[in-house]
mmCIF file of all heavy atoms, coordinates in Angstrom:
data_MODEL
# 
_entry.id   MODEL 
# 
loop_
_atom_site.group_PDB 
_atom_site.id 
_atom_site.type_symbol 
_atom_site.label_atom_id 
_atom_site.label_alt_id 
_atom_site.label_comp_id 
_atom_site.label_asym_id 
_atom_site.label_entity_id 
_atom_site.label_seq_id 
_atom_site.pdbx_PDB_ins_code 
_atom_site.Cartn_x 
_atom_site.Cartn_y 
_atom_site.Cartn_z 
_atom_site.occupancy 
_atom_site.B_iso_or_equiv 
_atom_site.pdbx_formal_charge 
_atom_site.auth_seq_id 
_atom_site.auth_comp_id 
_atom_site.auth_asym_id 
_atom_site.auth_atom_id 
_atom_site.pdbx_PDB_model_num 
ATOM 1   N N   . LEU A 1 1  ? -10.998 135.745 -183.141 1.00 0.00 ? 1  LEU A N   1 
ATOM 2   C CA  . LEU A 1 1  ? -10.276 136.820 -183.804 1.00 0.00 ? 1  LEU A CA  1 
ATOM 3   C C   . LEU A 1 1  ? -11.169 137.360 -184.902 1.00 0.00 ? 1  LEU A C   1 
ATOM 4   O O   . LEU A 1 1  ? -11.370 136.705 -185.925 1.00 0.00 ? 1  LEU A O   1 
ATOM 5   C CB  . LEU A 1 1  ? -8.949  136.321 -184.388 1.00 0.00 ? 1  LEU A CB  1 
ATOM 6   C CG  . LEU A 1 1  ? -8.074  137.401 -185.022 1.00 0.00 ? 1  LEU A CG  1 
ATOM 7   C CD1 . LEU A 1 1  ? -7.545  138.356 -183.956 1.00 0.00 ? 1  LEU A CD1 1 
ATOM 8   C CD2 . LEU A 1 1  ? -6.916  136.770 -185.792 1.00 0.00 ? 1  LEU A CD2 1 
ATOM 9   N N   . GLN A 1 2  ? -11.718 138.532 -184.657 1.00 0.00 ? 2  GLN A N   1 
ATOM 10  C CA  . GLN A 1 2  ? -12.547 139.192 -185.650 1.00 0.00 ? 2  GLN A CA  1 
ATOM 11  C C   . GLN A 1 2  ? -11.651 140.046 -186.532 1.00 0.00 ? 2  GLN A C   1 
ATOM 12  O O   . GLN A 1 2  ? -11.003 140.971 -186.048 1.00 0.00 ? 2  GLN A O   1 
ATOM 13  C CB  . GLN A 1 2  ? -13.604 140.058 -184.979 1.00 0.00 ? 2  GLN A CB  1 
ATOM 14  C CG  . GLN A 1 2  ? -14.499 140.816 -185.948 1.00 0.00 ? 2  GLN A CG  1 
ATOM 15  C CD  . GLN A 1 2  ? -15.370 139.896 -186.766 1.00 0.00 ? 2  GLN A CD  1 
ATOM 16  O OE1 . GLN A 1 2  ? -16.078 139.054 -186.213 1.00 0.00 ? 2  GLN A OE1 1 
ATOM 17  N NE2 . GLN A 1 2  ? -15.325 140.031 -188.086 1.00 0.00 ? 2  GLN A NE2 1 
ATOM 18  N N   . MET A 1 3  ? -11.619 139.732 -187.790 1.00 0.00 ? 3  MET A N   1 
ATOM 19  C CA  . MET A 1 3  ? -10.755 140.408 -188.734 1.00 0.00 ? 3  MET A CA  1 
ATOM 20  C C   . MET A 1 3  ? -11.605 141.190 -189.716 1.00 0.00 ? 3  MET A C   1 
ATOM 21  O O   . MET A 1 3  ? -12.504 140.638 -190.349 1.00 0.00 ? 3  MET A O   1 
ATOM 22  C CB  . MET A 1 3  ? -9.875  139.399 -189.483 1.00 0.00 ? 3  MET A CB  1 
ATOM 23  C CG  . MET A 1 3  ? -9.068  138.491 -188.562 1.00 0.00 ? 3  MET A CG  1 
ATOM 24  S SD  . MET A 1 3  ? -7.967  137.385 -189.473 1.00 0.00 ? 3  MET A SD  1 
ATOM 25  C CE  . MET A 1 3  ? -9.170  136.325 -190.276 1.00 0.00 ? 3  MET A CE  1 
ATOM 26  N N   . THR A 1 4  ? -11.323 142.469 -189.832 1.00 0.00 ? 4  THR A N   1 
ATOM 27  C CA  . THR A 1 4  ? -12.021 143.319 -190.779 1.00 0.00 ? 4  THR A CA  1 
ATOM 28  C C   . THR A 1 4  ? -11.015 144.008 -191.682 1.00 0.00 ? 4  THR A C   1 
ATOM 29  O O   . THR A 1 4  ? -9.832  144.097 -191.367 1.00 0.00 ? 4  THR A O   1 
ATOM 30  C CB  . THR A 1 4  ? -12.881 144.366 -190.057 1.00 0.00 ? 4  THR A CB  1 
ATOM 31  O OG1 . THR A 1 4  ? -12.056 145.166 -189.199 1.00 0.00 ? 4  THR A OG1 1 
ATOM 32  C CG2 . THR A 1 4  ? -13.958 143.700 -189.217 1.00 0.00 ? 4  THR A CG2 1 
ATOM 33  N N   . ASN A 1 5  ? -11.520 144.510 -192.793 1.00 0.00 ? 5  ASN A N   1 
ATOM 34  C CA  . ASN A 1 5  ? -10.668 145.180 -193.777 1.00 0.00 ? 5  ASN A CA  1 
ATOM 35  C C   . ASN A 1 5  ? -9.425  144.357 -194.078 1.00 0.00 ? 5  ASN A C   1 
ATOM 36  O O   . ASN A 1 5  ? -8.295  144.849 -194.036 1.00 0.00 ? 5  ASN A O   1 
ATOM 37  C CB  . ASN A 1 5  ? -10.288 146.572 -193.284 1.00 0.00 ? 5  ASN A CB  1 
ATOM 38  C CG  . ASN A 1 5  ? -9.648  147.422 -194.366 1.00 0.00 ? 5  ASN A CG  1 
ATOM 39  O OD1 . ASN A 1 5  ? -9.863  147.197 -195.557 1.00 0.00 ? 5  ASN A OD1 1 
ATOM 40  N ND2 . ASN A 1 5  ? -8.849  148.404 -193.958 1.00 0.00 ? 5  ASN A ND2 1 
ATOM 41  N N   . LEU A 1 6  ? -9.645  143.119 -194.393 1.00 0.00 ? 6  LEU A N   1 
ATOM 42  C CA  . LEU A 1 6  ? -8.527  142.216 -194.661 1.00 0.00 ? 6  LEU A CA  1 
ATOM 43  C C   . LEU A 1 6  ? -7.730  142.666 -195.873 1.00 0.00 ? 6  LEU A C   1 
ATOM 44  O O   . LEU A 1 6  ? -8.280  143.202 -196.836 1.00 0.00 ? 6  LEU A O   1 
ATOM 45  C CB  . LEU A 1 6  ? -9.041  140.798 -194.859 1.00 0.00 ? 6  LEU A CB  1 
ATOM 46  C CG  . LEU A 1 6  ? -9.401  140.075 -193.564 1.00 0.00 ? 6  LEU A CG  1 
ATOM 47  C CD1 . LEU A 1 6  ? -10.324 138.899 -193.837 1.00 0.00 ? 6  LEU A CD1 1 
ATOM 48  C CD2 . LEU A 1 6  ? -8.131  139.605 -192.857 1.00 0.00 ? 6  LEU A CD2 1 
ATOM 49  N N   . LYS A 1 7  ? -6.441  142.430 -195.791 1.00 0.00 ? 7  LYS A N   1 
ATOM 50  C CA  . LYS A 1 7  ? -5.514  142.810 -196.832 1.00 0.00 ? 7  LYS A CA  1 
ATOM 51  C C   . LYS A 1 7  ? -4.770  141.581 -197.339 1.00 0.00 ? 7  LYS A C   1 
ATOM 52  O O   . LYS A 1 7  ? -4.631  140.599 -196.606 1.00 0.00 ? 7  LYS A O   1 
ATOM 53  C CB  . LYS A 1 7  ? -4.510  143.831 -196.300 1.00 0.00 ? 7  LYS A CB  1 
ATOM 54  C CG  . LYS A 1 7  ? -5.142  145.090 -195.736 1.00 0.00 ? 7  LYS A CG  1 
ATOM 55  C CD  . LYS A 1 7  ? -4.092  146.020 -195.156 1.00 0.00 ? 7  LYS A CD  1 
ATOM 56  C CE  . LYS A 1 7  ? -4.722  147.284 -194.608 1.00 0.00 ? 7  LYS A CE  1 
ATOM 57  N NZ  . LYS A 1 7  ? -3.706  148.208 -194.044 1.00 0.00 ? 7  LYS A NZ  1 
ATOM 58  N N   . PRO A 1 8  ? -4.268  141.625 -198.561 1.00 0.00 ? 8  PRO A N   1 
ATOM 59  C CA  . PRO A 1 8  ? -3.519  140.468 -199.072 1.00 0.00 ? 8  PRO A CA  1 
ATOM 60  C C   . PRO A 1 8  ? -2.361  140.061 -198.159 1.00 0.00 ? 8  PRO A C   1 
ATOM 61  O O   . PRO A 1 8  ? -2.071  138.864 -198.057 1.00 0.00 ? 8  PRO A O   1 
ATOM 62  C CB  . PRO A 1 8  ? -3.016  140.954 -200.432 1.00 0.00 ? 8  PRO A CB  1 
ATOM 63  C CG  . PRO A 1 8  ? -4.055  141.924 -200.872 1.00 0.00 ? 8  PRO A CG  1 
ATOM 64  C CD  . PRO A 1 8  ? -4.485  142.637 -199.613 1.00 0.00 ? 8  PRO A CD  1 
ATOM 65  N N   . GLU A 1 9  ? -1.733  141.006 -197.503 1.00 0.00 ? 9  GLU A N   1 
ATOM 66  C CA  . GLU A 1 9  ? -0.629  140.681 -196.619 1.00 0.00 ? 9  GLU A CA  1 
ATOM 67  C C   . GLU A 1 9  ? -1.060  139.968 -195.344 1.00 0.00 ? 9  GLU A C   1 
ATOM 68  O O   . GLU A 1 9  ? -0.217  139.512 -194.574 1.00 0.00 ? 9  GLU A O   1 
ATOM 69  C CB  . GLU A 1 9  ? 0.188   141.934 -196.264 1.00 0.00 ? 9  GLU A CB  1 
ATOM 70  C CG  . GLU A 1 9  ? -0.646  143.078 -195.739 1.00 0.00 ? 9  GLU A CG  1 
ATOM 71  C CD  . GLU A 1 9  ? -0.985  144.102 -196.809 1.00 0.00 ? 9  GLU A CD  1 
ATOM 72  O OE1 . GLU A 1 9  ? -1.350  143.698 -197.931 1.00 0.00 ? 9  GLU A OE1 1 
ATOM 73  O OE2 . GLU A 1 9  ? -0.871  145.309 -196.530 1.00 0.00 ? 9  GLU A OE2 1 
ATOM 74  N N   . ASP A 1 10 ? -2.365  139.865 -195.116 1.00 0.00 ? 10 ASP A N   1 
ATOM 75  C CA  . ASP A 1 10 ? -2.873  139.074 -194.002 1.00 0.00 ? 10 ASP A CA  1 
ATOM 76  C C   . ASP A 1 10 ? -2.917  137.584 -194.328 1.00 0.00 ? 10 ASP A C   1 
ATOM 77  O O   . ASP A 1 10 ? -3.199  136.770 -193.444 1.00 0.00 ? 10 ASP A O   1 
ATOM 78  C CB  . ASP A 1 10 ? -4.275  139.530 -193.603 1.00 0.00 ? 10 ASP A CB  1 
ATOM 79  C CG  . ASP A 1 10 ? -4.298  140.943 -193.054 1.00 0.00 ? 10 ASP A CG  1 
ATOM 80  O OD1 . ASP A 1 10 ? -3.383  141.297 -192.273 1.00 0.00 ? 10 ASP A OD1 1 
ATOM 81  O OD2 . ASP A 1 10 ? -5.233  141.691 -193.387 1.00 0.00 ? 10 ASP A OD2 1 
ATOM 82  N N   . THR A 1 11 ? -2.672  137.236 -195.565 1.00 0.00 ? 11 THR A N   1 
ATOM 83  C CA  . THR A 1 11 ? -2.690  135.839 -195.968 1.00 0.00 ? 11 THR A CA  1 
ATOM 84  C C   . THR A 1 11 ? -1.650  135.045 -195.187 1.00 0.00 ? 11 THR A C   1 
ATOM 85  O O   . THR A 1 11 ? -0.468  135.391 -195.177 1.00 0.00 ? 11 THR A O   1 
ATOM 86  C CB  . THR A 1 11 ? -2.424  135.712 -197.471 1.00 0.00 ? 11 THR A CB  1 
ATOM 87  O OG1 . THR A 1 11 ? -3.490  136.333 -198.193 1.00 0.00 ? 11 THR A OG1 1 
ATOM 88  C CG2 . THR A 1 11 ? -2.325  134.252 -197.884 1.00 0.00 ? 11 THR A CG2 1 
ATOM 89  N N   . ALA A 1 12 ? -2.097  134.004 -194.532 1.00 0.00 ? 12 ALA A N   1 
ATOM 90  C CA  . ALA A 1 12 ? -1.225  133.195 -193.700 1.00 0.00 ? 12 ALA A CA  1 
ATOM 91  C C   . ALA A 1 12 ? -2.035  132.051 -193.111 1.00 0.00 ? 12 ALA A C   1 
ATOM 92  O O   . ALA A 1 12 ? -3.263  132.016 -193.222 1.00 0.00 ? 12 ALA A O   1 
ATOM 93  C CB  . ALA A 1 12 ? -0.617  134.026 -192.564 1.00 0.00 ? 12 ALA A CB  1 
ATOM 94  N N   . VAL A 1 13 ? -1.336  131.137 -192.481 1.00 0.00 ? 13 VAL A N   1 
ATOM 95  C CA  . VAL A 1 13 ? -1.988  130.169 -191.625 1.00 0.00 ? 13 VAL A CA  1 
ATOM 96  C C   . VAL A 1 13 ? -2.056  130.773 -190.232 1.00 0.00 ? 13 VAL A C   1 
ATOM 97  O O   . VAL A 1 13 ? -1.039  131.214 -189.687 1.00 0.00 ? 13 VAL A O   1 
ATOM 98  C CB  . VAL A 1 13 ? -1.241  128.826 -191.592 1.00 0.00 ? 13 VAL A CB  1 
ATOM 99  C CG1 . VAL A 1 13 ? -1.928  127.852 -190.640 1.00 0.00 ? 13 VAL A CG1 1 
ATOM 100 C CG2 . VAL A 1 13 ? -1.164  128.228 -192.993 1.00 0.00 ? 13 VAL A CG2 1 
ATOM 101 N N   . TYR A 1 14 ? -3.234  130.800 -189.666 1.00 0.00 ? 14 TYR A N   1 
ATOM 102 C CA  . TYR A 1 14 ? -3.453  131.394 -188.361 1.00 0.00 ? 14 TYR A CA  1 
ATOM 103 C C   . TYR A 1 14 ? -3.565  130.302 -187.313 1.00 0.00 ? 14 TYR A C   1 
ATOM 104 O O   . TYR A 1 14 ? -4.319  129.337 -187.473 1.00 0.00 ? 14 TYR A O   1 
ATOM 105 C CB  . TYR A 1 14 ? -4.720  132.248 -188.372 1.00 0.00 ? 14 TYR A CB  1 
ATOM 106 C CG  . TYR A 1 14 ? -4.514  133.572 -189.065 1.00 0.00 ? 14 TYR A CG  1 
ATOM 107 C CD1 . TYR A 1 14 ? -4.331  133.634 -190.443 1.00 0.00 ? 14 TYR A CD1 1 
ATOM 108 C CD2 . TYR A 1 14 ? -4.480  134.757 -188.339 1.00 0.00 ? 14 TYR A CD2 1 
ATOM 109 C CE1 . TYR A 1 14 ? -4.112  134.838 -191.080 1.00 0.00 ? 14 TYR A CE1 1 
ATOM 110 C CE2 . TYR A 1 14 ? -4.273  135.973 -188.974 1.00 0.00 ? 14 TYR A CE2 1 
ATOM 111 C CZ  . TYR A 1 14 ? -4.088  136.002 -190.342 1.00 0.00 ? 14 TYR A CZ  1 
ATOM 112 O OH  . TYR A 1 14 ? -3.883  137.212 -190.961 1.00 0.00 ? 14 TYR A OH  1 
ATOM 113 N N   . TYR A 1 15 ? -2.817  130.477 -186.246 1.00 0.00 ? 15 TYR A N   1 
ATOM 114 C CA  . TYR A 1 15 ? -2.755  129.501 -185.175 1.00 0.00 ? 15 TYR A CA  1 
ATOM 115 C C   . TYR A 1 15 ? -3.218  130.106 -183.862 1.00 0.00 ? 15 TYR A C   1 
ATOM 116 O O   . TYR A 1 15 ? -2.921  131.262 -183.558 1.00 0.00 ? 15 TYR A O   1 
ATOM 117 C CB  . TYR A 1 15 ? -1.327  128.995 -184.982 1.00 0.00 ? 15 TYR A CB  1 
ATOM 118 C CG  . TYR A 1 15 ? -0.761  128.242 -186.153 1.00 0.00 ? 15 TYR A CG  1 
ATOM 119 C CD1 . TYR A 1 15 ? -0.040  128.906 -187.137 1.00 0.00 ? 15 TYR A CD1 1 
ATOM 120 C CD2 . TYR A 1 15 ? -0.934  126.869 -186.272 1.00 0.00 ? 15 TYR A CD2 1 
ATOM 121 C CE1 . TYR A 1 15 ? 0.492   128.223 -188.217 1.00 0.00 ? 15 TYR A CE1 1 
ATOM 122 C CE2 . TYR A 1 15 ? -0.404  126.181 -187.347 1.00 0.00 ? 15 TYR A CE2 1 
ATOM 123 C CZ  . TYR A 1 15 ? 0.309   126.860 -188.315 1.00 0.00 ? 15 TYR A CZ  1 
ATOM 124 O OH  . TYR A 1 15 ? 0.842   126.176 -189.377 1.00 0.00 ? 15 TYR A OH  1 
ATOM 125 N N   . CYS A 1 16 ? -3.893  129.306 -183.099 1.00 0.00 ? 16 CYS A N   1 
ATOM 126 C CA  . CYS A 1 16 ? -4.296  129.647 -181.748 1.00 0.00 ? 16 CYS A CA  1 
ATOM 127 C C   . CYS A 1 16 ? -3.350  128.964 -180.772 1.00 0.00 ? 16 CYS A C   1 
ATOM 128 O O   . CYS A 1 16 ? -3.085  127.765 -180.898 1.00 0.00 ? 16 CYS A O   1 
ATOM 129 C CB  . CYS A 1 16 ? -5.737  129.184 -181.513 1.00 0.00 ? 16 CYS A CB  1 
ATOM 130 S SG  . CYS A 1 16 ? -6.369  129.414 -179.851 1.00 0.00 ? 16 CYS A SG  1 
ATOM 131 N N   . GLY A 1 17 ? -2.842  129.713 -179.817 1.00 0.00 ? 17 GLY A N   1 
ATOM 132 C CA  . GLY A 1 17 ? -1.921  129.161 -178.841 1.00 0.00 ? 17 GLY A CA  1 
ATOM 133 C C   . GLY A 1 17 ? -2.377  129.391 -177.413 1.00 0.00 ? 17 GLY A C   1 
ATOM 134 O O   . GLY A 1 17 ? -2.980  130.422 -177.098 1.00 0.00 ? 17 GLY A O   1 
ATOM 135 N N   . ARG A 1 18 ? -2.096  128.427 -176.562 1.00 0.00 ? 18 ARG A N   1 
ATOM 136 C CA  . ARG A 1 18 ? -2.439  128.521 -175.145 1.00 0.00 ? 18 ARG A CA  1 
ATOM 137 C C   . ARG A 1 18 ? -1.256  129.011 -174.339 1.00 0.00 ? 18 ARG A C   1 
ATOM 138 O O   . ARG A 1 18 ? -0.176  128.425 -174.392 1.00 0.00 ? 18 ARG A O   1 
ATOM 139 C CB  . ARG A 1 18 ? -2.892  127.165 -174.620 1.00 0.00 ? 18 ARG A CB  1 
ATOM 140 C CG  . ARG A 1 18 ? -3.470  127.230 -173.209 1.00 0.00 ? 18 ARG A CG  1 
ATOM 141 C CD  . ARG A 1 18 ? -3.711  125.861 -172.612 1.00 0.00 ? 18 ARG A CD  1 
ATOM 142 N NE  . ARG A 1 18 ? -2.460  125.225 -172.184 1.00 0.00 ? 18 ARG A NE  1 
ATOM 143 C CZ  . ARG A 1 18 ? -2.393  124.234 -171.299 1.00 0.00 ? 18 ARG A CZ  1 
ATOM 144 N NH1 . ARG A 1 18 ? -3.510  123.752 -170.752 1.00 0.00 ? 18 ARG A NH1 1 
ATOM 145 N NH2 . ARG A 1 18 ? -1.216  123.701 -170.986 1.00 0.00 ? 18 ARG A NH2 1 
ATOM 146 N N   . GLY A 1 19 ? -1.474  130.060 -173.565 1.00 0.00 ? 19 GLY A N   1 
ATOM 147 C CA  . GLY A 1 19 ? -0.434  130.615 -172.730 1.00 0.00 ? 19 GLY A CA  1 
ATOM 148 C C   . GLY A 1 19 ? -0.403  129.985 -171.363 1.00 0.00 ? 19 GLY A C   1 
ATOM 149 O O   . GLY A 1 19 ? -1.254  129.170 -171.004 1.00 0.00 ? 19 GLY A O   1 
ATOM 150 N N   . PRO A 1 20 ? 0.583   130.356 -170.567 1.00 0.00 ? 20 PRO A N   1 
ATOM 151 C CA  . PRO A 1 20 ? 0.685   129.814 -169.206 1.00 0.00 ? 20 PRO A CA  1 
ATOM 152 C C   . PRO A 1 20 ? -0.388  130.378 -168.289 1.00 0.00 ? 20 PRO A C   1 
ATOM 153 O O   . PRO A 1 20 ? -1.054  131.364 -168.610 1.00 0.00 ? 20 PRO A O   1 
ATOM 154 C CB  . PRO A 1 20 ? 2.088   130.251 -168.763 1.00 0.00 ? 20 PRO A CB  1 
ATOM 155 C CG  . PRO A 1 20 ? 2.375   131.478 -169.568 1.00 0.00 ? 20 PRO A CG  1 
ATOM 156 C CD  . PRO A 1 20 ? 1.693   131.263 -170.892 1.00 0.00 ? 20 PRO A CD  1 
ATOM 157 N N   . LEU A 1 21 ? -0.543  129.740 -167.147 1.00 0.00 ? 21 LEU A N   1 
ATOM 158 C CA  . LEU A 1 21 ? -1.511  130.191 -166.167 1.00 0.00 ? 21 LEU A CA  1 
ATOM 159 C C   . LEU A 1 21 ? -1.156  131.565 -165.624 1.00 0.00 ? 21 LEU A C   1 
ATOM 160 O O   . LEU A 1 21 ? 0.007   131.872 -165.372 1.00 0.00 ? 21 LEU A O   1 
ATOM 161 C CB  . LEU A 1 21 ? -1.581  129.197 -165.015 1.00 0.00 ? 21 LEU A CB  1 
ATOM 162 C CG  . LEU A 1 21 ? -2.303  127.874 -165.273 1.00 0.00 ? 21 LEU A CG  1 
ATOM 163 C CD1 . LEU A 1 21 ? -2.032  126.906 -164.138 1.00 0.00 ? 21 LEU A CD1 1 
ATOM 164 C CD2 . LEU A 1 21 ? -3.799  128.110 -165.441 1.00 0.00 ? 21 LEU A CD2 1 
ATOM 165 N N   . TYR A 1 22 ? -2.160  132.382 -165.451 1.00 0.00 ? 22 TYR A N   1 
ATOM 166 C CA  . TYR A 1 22 ? -2.046  133.683 -164.783 1.00 0.00 ? 22 TYR A CA  1 
ATOM 167 C C   . TYR A 1 22 ? -0.987  134.582 -165.398 1.00 0.00 ? 22 TYR A C   1 
ATOM 168 O O   . TYR A 1 22 ? -0.298  135.323 -164.693 1.00 0.00 ? 22 TYR A O   1 
ATOM 169 C CB  . TYR A 1 22 ? -1.775  133.483 -163.288 1.00 0.00 ? 22 TYR A CB  1 
ATOM 170 C CG  . TYR A 1 22 ? -2.722  132.511 -162.640 1.00 0.00 ? 22 TYR A CG  1 
ATOM 171 C CD1 . TYR A 1 22 ? -2.263  131.320 -162.094 1.00 0.00 ? 22 TYR A CD1 1 
ATOM 172 C CD2 . TYR A 1 22 ? -4.087  132.777 -162.599 1.00 0.00 ? 22 TYR A CD2 1 
ATOM 173 C CE1 . TYR A 1 22 ? -3.142  130.421 -161.508 1.00 0.00 ? 22 TYR A CE1 1 
ATOM 174 C CE2 . TYR A 1 22 ? -4.968  131.882 -162.022 1.00 0.00 ? 22 TYR A CE2 1 
ATOM 175 C CZ  . TYR A 1 22 ? -4.493  130.707 -161.479 1.00 0.00 ? 22 TYR A CZ  1 
ATOM 176 O OH  . TYR A 1 22 ? -5.357  129.813 -160.898 1.00 0.00 ? 22 TYR A OH  1 
ATOM 177 N N   . ALA A 1 23 ? -0.860  134.506 -166.690 1.00 0.00 ? 23 ALA A N   1 
ATOM 178 C CA  . ALA A 1 23 ? 0.137   135.292 -167.393 1.00 0.00 ? 23 ALA A CA  1 
ATOM 179 C C   . ALA A 1 23 ? -0.521  136.402 -168.193 1.00 0.00 ? 23 ALA A C   1 
ATOM 180 O O   . ALA A 1 23 ? -1.649  136.267 -168.661 1.00 0.00 ? 23 ALA A O   1 
ATOM 181 C CB  . ALA A 1 23 ? 0.959   134.402 -168.319 1.00 0.00 ? 23 ALA A CB  1 
ATOM 182 N N   . ASN A 1 24 ? 0.216   137.485 -168.352 1.00 0.00 ? 24 ASN A N   1 
ATOM 183 C CA  . ASN A 1 24 ? -0.235  138.545 -169.242 1.00 0.00 ? 24 ASN A CA  1 
ATOM 184 C C   . ASN A 1 24 ? -0.109  138.090 -170.686 1.00 0.00 ? 24 ASN A C   1 
ATOM 185 O O   . ASN A 1 24 ? 0.726   137.235 -171.001 1.00 0.00 ? 24 ASN A O   1 
ATOM 186 C CB  . ASN A 1 24 ? 0.598   139.805 -169.036 1.00 0.00 ? 24 ASN A CB  1 
ATOM 187 C CG  . ASN A 1 24 ? 0.321   140.477 -167.717 1.00 0.00 ? 24 ASN A CG  1 
ATOM 188 O OD1 . ASN A 1 24 ? -0.824  140.522 -167.265 1.00 0.00 ? 24 ASN A OD1 1 
ATOM 189 N ND2 . ASN A 1 24 ? 1.362   141.017 -167.098 1.00 0.00 ? 24 ASN A ND2 1 
ATOM 190 N N   . PRO A 1 25 ? -0.911  138.648 -171.575 1.00 0.00 ? 25 PRO A N   1 
ATOM 191 C CA  . PRO A 1 25 ? -0.720  138.313 -172.990 1.00 0.00 ? 25 PRO A CA  1 
ATOM 192 C C   . PRO A 1 25 ? 0.681   138.690 -173.427 1.00 0.00 ? 25 PRO A C   1 
ATOM 193 O O   . PRO A 1 25 ? 1.192   139.752 -173.062 1.00 0.00 ? 25 PRO A O   1 
ATOM 194 C CB  . PRO A 1 25 ? -1.790  139.147 -173.700 1.00 0.00 ? 25 PRO A CB  1 
ATOM 195 C CG  . PRO A 1 25 ? -2.164  140.218 -172.725 1.00 0.00 ? 25 PRO A CG  1 
ATOM 196 C CD  . PRO A 1 25 ? -1.993  139.616 -171.368 1.00 0.00 ? 25 PRO A CD  1 
ATOM 197 N N   . ASP A 1 26 ? 1.282   137.825 -174.200 1.00 0.00 ? 26 ASP A N   1 
ATOM 198 C CA  . ASP A 1 26 ? 2.676   137.982 -174.564 1.00 0.00 ? 26 ASP A CA  1 
ATOM 199 C C   . ASP A 1 26 ? 2.843   137.880 -176.065 1.00 0.00 ? 26 ASP A C   1 
ATOM 200 O O   . ASP A 1 26 ? 2.111   137.149 -176.734 1.00 0.00 ? 26 ASP A O   1 
ATOM 201 C CB  . ASP A 1 26 ? 3.516   136.910 -173.864 1.00 0.00 ? 26 ASP A CB  1 
ATOM 202 C CG  . ASP A 1 26 ? 4.999   137.154 -174.012 1.00 0.00 ? 26 ASP A CG  1 
ATOM 203 O OD1 . ASP A 1 26 ? 5.541   137.988 -173.271 1.00 0.00 ? 26 ASP A OD1 1 
ATOM 204 O OD2 . ASP A 1 26 ? 5.613   136.501 -174.880 1.00 0.00 ? 26 ASP A OD2 1 
# 
C-alpha cells in the first residue's frame, strides 16, 4: 500500500487481510 499525501485522518492501525480464492476485491 503506497500512501502519499498523508493526512492526520489517515492515522490508524493498518491491517492486511487475505480474501477467499478466486474472489473479486471486496
